[in-house]
């Protein structure tokens, strides 16, 4: 089971239990996160595509880490003109662990095993 969600202007393919790095989101470590822009959902057999988003599918997770990525160097140079500019940049990120994917009416395999 997987879904495609949109966050920070980018699209991410997510599965349950997976950790992904997103653009900085507000919230403390351990805070719940819900993705409302679900573009695609697959339960293993059927694929549902939103036009543009799916309203009845929920992707929930929680924040694992707030941090900054490694530094990159931005160096501008023009030959023979004595022009050099050096600048560093560290992008902020939020690591999110996906807890559940699914629609409210969907019965998952774990739920079916507990009923038997």
N, C-alpha and C. Protein backbone atom coordinates (compact mmCIF):
# COMPACT_ATOMS: atom_id res chain seq x y z
N UNK A 1 0.85 -1.17 0.00
CA UNK A 1 0.00 0.00 0.00
C UNK A 1 0.90 1.24 0.00
N UNK A 2 0.61 2.17 -0.90
CA UNK A 2 1.38 3.41 -0.96
C UNK A 2 0.48 4.54 -1.41
N UNK A 3 1.01 5.76 -1.24
CA UNK A 3 0.29 6.96 -1.66
C UNK A 3 1.30 7.98 -2.15
N UNK A 4 0.83 8.92 -2.93
CA UNK A 4 1.65 10.05 -3.37
C UNK A 4 1.05 11.31 -2.75
N UNK A 5 1.87 12.01 -1.95
CA UNK A 5 1.40 13.23 -1.29
C UNK A 5 2.22 14.41 -1.77
N UNK A 6 1.63 15.59 -1.65
CA UNK A 6 2.30 16.83 -2.03
C UNK A 6 2.57 17.64 -0.77
N UNK A 7 3.81 18.09 -0.61
CA UNK A 7 4.19 18.91 0.53
C UNK A 7 5.37 19.79 0.14
N UNK A 8 5.26 21.06 0.41
CA UNK A 8 6.36 21.98 0.11
C UNK A 8 6.62 22.14 -1.37
N UNK A 9 5.59 21.96 -2.21
CA UNK A 9 5.77 22.11 -3.64
C UNK A 9 6.39 20.90 -4.32
N UNK A 10 6.61 19.82 -3.58
CA UNK A 10 7.18 18.60 -4.14
C UNK A 10 6.23 17.44 -3.89
N UNK A 11 6.41 16.36 -4.66
CA UNK A 11 5.57 15.18 -4.50
C UNK A 11 6.43 14.03 -3.98
N UNK A 12 5.87 13.26 -3.04
CA UNK A 12 6.60 12.17 -2.41
C UNK A 12 5.75 10.90 -2.44
N UNK A 13 6.38 9.77 -2.79
CA UNK A 13 5.73 8.47 -2.72
C UNK A 13 6.02 7.92 -1.32
N UNK A 14 4.98 7.61 -0.55
CA UNK A 14 5.16 7.20 0.83
C UNK A 14 4.50 5.84 1.08
N UNK A 15 5.10 5.09 2.00
CA UNK A 15 4.57 3.81 2.48
C UNK A 15 4.51 3.86 4.00
N UNK A 16 3.73 3.00 4.60
CA UNK A 16 3.64 2.95 6.05
C UNK A 16 4.98 2.53 6.65
N UNK A 17 5.39 3.19 7.74
CA UNK A 17 6.63 2.87 8.42
C UNK A 17 7.86 3.54 7.82
N UNK A 18 7.70 4.24 6.71
CA UNK A 18 8.81 4.89 6.02
C UNK A 18 9.09 6.26 6.63
N UNK A 19 10.36 6.67 6.66
CA UNK A 19 10.73 8.01 7.12
C UNK A 19 11.21 8.81 5.93
N UNK A 20 10.71 10.04 5.79
CA UNK A 20 11.13 10.87 4.68
C UNK A 20 11.44 12.28 5.16
N UNK A 21 12.33 12.94 4.43
CA UNK A 21 12.73 14.31 4.74
C UNK A 21 11.95 15.27 3.85
N UNK A 22 11.28 16.20 4.49
CA UNK A 22 10.47 17.20 3.78
C UNK A 22 11.04 18.58 4.03
N UNK A 23 10.50 19.55 3.29
CA UNK A 23 10.79 20.93 3.60
C UNK A 23 10.32 21.21 5.02
N UNK A 24 10.88 22.22 5.66
CA UNK A 24 10.60 22.52 7.07
C UNK A 24 9.10 22.67 7.33
N UNK A 25 8.60 21.89 8.31
CA UNK A 25 7.23 21.99 8.78
C UNK A 25 7.24 22.50 10.22
N UNK A 26 6.22 23.24 10.60
CA UNK A 26 6.15 23.72 11.97
C UNK A 26 5.69 22.59 12.88
N UNK A 27 6.26 22.53 14.07
CA UNK A 27 5.89 21.51 15.03
C UNK A 27 7.10 20.96 15.75
N UNK A 28 6.85 20.43 16.93
CA UNK A 28 7.91 19.83 17.74
C UNK A 28 8.07 18.35 17.38
N UNK A 29 9.18 17.76 17.85
CA UNK A 29 9.42 16.34 17.65
C UNK A 29 8.34 15.56 18.39
N UNK A 30 7.73 14.61 17.70
CA UNK A 30 6.64 13.82 18.27
C UNK A 30 5.26 14.33 17.93
N UNK A 31 5.17 15.53 17.36
CA UNK A 31 3.87 16.10 17.01
C UNK A 31 3.28 15.37 15.81
N UNK A 32 1.96 15.17 15.79
CA UNK A 32 1.33 14.48 14.65
C UNK A 32 1.27 15.38 13.42
N UNK A 33 1.37 14.76 12.25
CA UNK A 33 1.31 15.46 10.98
C UNK A 33 0.28 14.74 10.11
N UNK A 34 -0.57 15.51 9.43
CA UNK A 34 -1.55 14.94 8.52
C UNK A 34 -1.38 15.61 7.16
N UNK A 35 -1.32 14.81 6.11
CA UNK A 35 -1.17 15.33 4.75
C UNK A 35 -2.54 15.36 4.10
N UNK A 36 -3.00 16.56 3.75
CA UNK A 36 -4.32 16.69 3.15
C UNK A 36 -4.29 16.64 1.63
N UNK A 37 -3.14 16.83 1.01
CA UNK A 37 -3.04 16.77 -0.45
C UNK A 37 -2.53 15.39 -0.87
N UNK A 38 -3.43 14.43 -0.95
CA UNK A 38 -3.10 13.08 -1.40
C UNK A 38 -3.48 13.00 -2.87
N UNK A 39 -2.49 12.77 -3.73
CA UNK A 39 -2.71 12.80 -5.17
C UNK A 39 -3.03 11.42 -5.75
N UNK A 40 -2.52 10.35 -5.12
CA UNK A 40 -2.70 9.01 -5.65
C UNK A 40 -2.71 8.04 -4.47
N UNK A 41 -3.50 6.97 -4.57
CA UNK A 41 -3.55 5.95 -3.53
C UNK A 41 -3.64 4.58 -4.18
N UNK A 42 -2.82 3.65 -3.70
CA UNK A 42 -2.85 2.28 -4.20
C UNK A 42 -2.91 1.33 -3.01
N UNK A 43 -3.86 0.39 -3.04
CA UNK A 43 -3.98 -0.60 -1.96
C UNK A 43 -3.35 -1.93 -2.34
N UNK A 44 -2.60 -1.97 -3.42
CA UNK A 44 -1.97 -3.21 -3.88
C UNK A 44 -2.65 -3.80 -5.08
N UNK A 45 -3.96 -3.61 -5.20
CA UNK A 45 -4.71 -4.12 -6.34
C UNK A 45 -5.28 -3.00 -7.19
N UNK A 46 -5.87 -2.00 -6.52
CA UNK A 46 -6.50 -0.90 -7.22
C UNK A 46 -5.72 0.39 -7.02
N UNK A 47 -5.67 1.20 -8.06
CA UNK A 47 -5.00 2.50 -7.99
C UNK A 47 -6.06 3.57 -8.19
N UNK A 48 -6.11 4.53 -7.25
CA UNK A 48 -7.06 5.63 -7.33
C UNK A 48 -6.29 6.92 -7.53
N UNK A 49 -6.63 7.67 -8.57
CA UNK A 49 -5.95 8.92 -8.89
C UNK A 49 -6.91 10.06 -8.63
N UNK A 50 -6.42 11.08 -7.91
CA UNK A 50 -7.24 12.24 -7.60
C UNK A 50 -7.26 13.23 -8.73
N UNK A 51 -8.34 13.97 -8.81
CA UNK A 51 -8.45 15.03 -9.82
C UNK A 51 -8.87 16.32 -9.16
N UNK A 52 -8.04 17.12 -8.57
CA UNK A 52 -6.58 16.97 -8.42
C UNK A 52 -6.17 16.22 -7.17
N UNK A 53 -7.03 16.18 -6.10
CA UNK A 53 -6.66 15.47 -4.88
C UNK A 53 -7.77 14.50 -4.48
N UNK A 54 -7.40 13.53 -3.64
CA UNK A 54 -8.37 12.58 -3.10
C UNK A 54 -8.86 13.10 -1.76
N UNK A 55 -10.17 13.18 -1.59
CA UNK A 55 -10.75 13.72 -0.36
C UNK A 55 -10.88 12.66 0.73
N UNK A 56 -11.11 11.40 0.36
CA UNK A 56 -11.42 10.37 1.35
C UNK A 56 -10.21 9.55 1.81
N UNK A 57 -8.99 9.92 1.41
CA UNK A 57 -7.79 9.19 1.81
C UNK A 57 -7.00 10.05 2.79
N UNK A 58 -6.55 9.40 3.87
CA UNK A 58 -5.78 10.11 4.89
C UNK A 58 -4.39 9.52 5.00
N UNK A 59 -3.37 10.38 5.09
CA UNK A 59 -2.00 9.96 5.36
C UNK A 59 -1.59 10.67 6.63
N UNK A 60 -1.26 9.88 7.66
CA UNK A 60 -0.90 10.44 8.95
C UNK A 60 0.49 9.97 9.35
N UNK A 61 1.18 10.82 10.09
CA UNK A 61 2.51 10.48 10.58
C UNK A 61 2.86 11.34 11.78
N UNK A 62 4.12 11.27 12.19
CA UNK A 62 4.58 12.13 13.28
C UNK A 62 6.01 12.58 12.99
N UNK A 63 6.38 13.72 13.56
CA UNK A 63 7.69 14.32 13.34
C UNK A 63 8.73 13.56 14.15
N UNK A 64 9.79 13.13 13.47
CA UNK A 64 10.87 12.40 14.11
C UNK A 64 12.05 13.32 14.42
N UNK A 65 12.32 14.27 13.52
CA UNK A 65 13.51 15.11 13.67
C UNK A 65 13.28 16.45 12.98
N UNK A 66 13.80 17.51 13.59
CA UNK A 66 13.89 18.83 12.97
C UNK A 66 15.38 19.14 12.86
N UNK A 67 15.86 19.51 11.69
CA UNK A 67 17.29 19.73 11.55
C UNK A 67 17.64 20.54 10.33
N UNK A 68 18.95 20.58 10.08
CA UNK A 68 19.46 21.27 8.90
C UNK A 68 20.42 20.34 8.17
N UNK A 69 20.37 20.38 6.86
CA UNK A 69 21.19 19.50 6.03
C UNK A 69 22.65 19.97 6.04
N UNK A 70 23.50 19.20 5.39
CA UNK A 70 24.92 19.56 5.31
C UNK A 70 25.07 20.85 4.50
N UNK A 71 26.15 21.58 4.77
CA UNK A 71 26.39 22.84 4.09
C UNK A 71 26.82 22.60 2.64
N UNK A 72 26.27 23.41 1.75
CA UNK A 72 26.73 23.42 0.37
C UNK A 72 27.38 24.77 0.10
N UNK A 73 28.34 24.79 -0.79
CA UNK A 73 29.06 26.01 -1.13
C UNK A 73 28.55 26.52 -2.48
N UNK A 74 28.13 27.79 -2.52
CA UNK A 74 27.71 28.44 -3.75
C UNK A 74 28.85 29.37 -4.15
N UNK A 75 29.53 29.09 -5.25
CA UNK A 75 30.69 29.87 -5.66
C UNK A 75 30.46 30.43 -7.06
N UNK A 76 30.46 31.76 -7.17
CA UNK A 76 30.29 32.43 -8.46
C UNK A 76 31.64 32.99 -8.87
N UNK A 77 31.98 32.84 -10.16
CA UNK A 77 33.30 33.24 -10.64
C UNK A 77 33.20 33.67 -12.10
N UNK A 78 33.82 34.78 -12.41
CA UNK A 78 33.93 35.22 -13.80
C UNK A 78 35.41 35.44 -14.09
N UNK A 79 35.90 34.73 -15.07
CA UNK A 79 37.33 34.79 -15.35
C UNK A 79 37.73 36.17 -15.89
N UNK A 80 38.93 36.56 -15.58
CA UNK A 80 39.58 37.80 -16.03
C UNK A 80 38.86 39.06 -15.56
N UNK A 81 37.92 38.99 -14.66
CA UNK A 81 37.18 40.18 -14.23
C UNK A 81 37.33 40.45 -12.73
N UNK A 82 38.12 39.62 -12.04
CA UNK A 82 38.32 39.74 -10.59
C UNK A 82 36.99 39.66 -9.83
N UNK A 83 36.11 38.80 -10.30
CA UNK A 83 34.80 38.64 -9.68
C UNK A 83 34.71 37.25 -9.06
N UNK A 84 34.61 37.20 -7.74
CA UNK A 84 34.44 35.95 -7.01
C UNK A 84 33.49 36.19 -5.85
N UNK A 85 32.51 35.31 -5.68
CA UNK A 85 31.58 35.39 -4.55
C UNK A 85 31.42 33.99 -3.98
N UNK A 86 31.64 33.85 -2.71
CA UNK A 86 31.50 32.56 -2.04
C UNK A 86 30.42 32.67 -0.97
N UNK A 87 29.51 31.74 -0.99
CA UNK A 87 28.40 31.77 -0.06
C UNK A 87 28.05 30.34 0.34
N UNK A 88 27.72 30.13 1.59
CA UNK A 88 27.30 28.82 2.06
C UNK A 88 25.80 28.79 2.32
N UNK A 89 25.24 27.59 2.31
CA UNK A 89 23.79 27.45 2.54
C UNK A 89 23.51 26.11 3.22
N UNK A 90 22.63 26.13 4.24
CA UNK A 90 22.15 24.92 4.90
C UNK A 90 20.63 24.93 4.87
N UNK A 91 20.05 23.93 4.22
CA UNK A 91 18.60 23.86 4.09
C UNK A 91 17.98 23.21 5.32
N UNK A 92 16.93 23.81 5.86
CA UNK A 92 16.21 23.23 6.98
C UNK A 92 15.30 22.11 6.48
N UNK A 93 15.13 21.06 7.31
CA UNK A 93 14.27 19.95 6.93
C UNK A 93 13.51 19.43 8.15
N UNK A 94 12.49 18.65 7.87
CA UNK A 94 11.72 17.95 8.88
C UNK A 94 11.64 16.49 8.46
N UNK A 95 12.04 15.58 9.35
CA UNK A 95 11.93 14.15 9.08
C UNK A 95 10.60 13.66 9.66
N UNK A 96 9.79 13.00 8.83
CA UNK A 96 8.46 12.54 9.23
C UNK A 96 8.37 11.03 9.01
N UNK A 97 7.88 10.30 10.03
CA UNK A 97 7.62 8.87 9.90
C UNK A 97 6.13 8.68 9.61
N UNK A 98 5.82 7.92 8.56
CA UNK A 98 4.44 7.69 8.15
C UNK A 98 3.86 6.56 9.01
N UNK A 99 2.76 6.86 9.72
CA UNK A 99 2.11 5.90 10.59
C UNK A 99 1.01 5.12 9.89
N UNK A 100 0.16 5.81 9.13
CA UNK A 100 -0.97 5.12 8.50
C UNK A 100 -1.35 5.79 7.19
N UNK A 101 -1.79 4.93 6.27
CA UNK A 101 -2.30 5.38 4.98
C UNK A 101 -3.60 4.64 4.76
N UNK A 102 -4.63 5.36 4.37
CA UNK A 102 -5.87 4.67 4.05
C UNK A 102 -7.07 5.58 4.14
N UNK A 103 -8.18 5.04 3.68
CA UNK A 103 -9.44 5.76 3.75
C UNK A 103 -10.19 5.30 5.00
N UNK A 104 -11.08 6.11 5.54
CA UNK A 104 -11.80 5.74 6.75
C UNK A 104 -12.59 4.45 6.63
N UNK A 105 -13.12 4.13 5.44
CA UNK A 105 -13.93 2.93 5.26
C UNK A 105 -13.13 1.70 4.88
N UNK A 106 -11.82 1.82 4.71
CA UNK A 106 -10.99 0.71 4.25
C UNK A 106 -10.64 -0.20 5.42
N UNK A 107 -10.85 -1.50 5.26
CA UNK A 107 -10.47 -2.48 6.28
C UNK A 107 -9.09 -3.00 5.92
N UNK A 108 -8.14 -2.83 6.83
CA UNK A 108 -6.77 -3.26 6.56
C UNK A 108 -6.59 -4.71 6.98
N UNK A 109 -5.51 -5.34 6.53
CA UNK A 109 -5.25 -6.75 6.80
C UNK A 109 -5.10 -7.00 8.30
N UNK A 110 -4.44 -6.09 9.04
CA UNK A 110 -4.26 -6.25 10.48
C UNK A 110 -5.60 -6.28 11.19
N UNK A 111 -6.55 -5.44 10.75
CA UNK A 111 -7.87 -5.41 11.36
C UNK A 111 -8.63 -6.71 11.10
N UNK A 112 -8.49 -7.28 9.91
CA UNK A 112 -9.19 -8.51 9.56
C UNK A 112 -8.67 -9.68 10.37
N UNK A 113 -7.37 -9.74 10.63
CA UNK A 113 -6.78 -10.85 11.40
C UNK A 113 -7.22 -10.80 12.84
N UNK A 114 -7.40 -9.60 13.42
CA UNK A 114 -7.80 -9.50 14.81
C UNK A 114 -9.26 -9.89 15.00
N UNK A 115 -10.10 -9.75 13.95
CA UNK A 115 -11.51 -10.11 14.06
C UNK A 115 -11.71 -11.61 14.02
N UNK A 116 -10.82 -12.35 13.38
CA UNK A 116 -10.98 -13.80 13.20
C UNK A 116 -10.65 -14.54 14.46
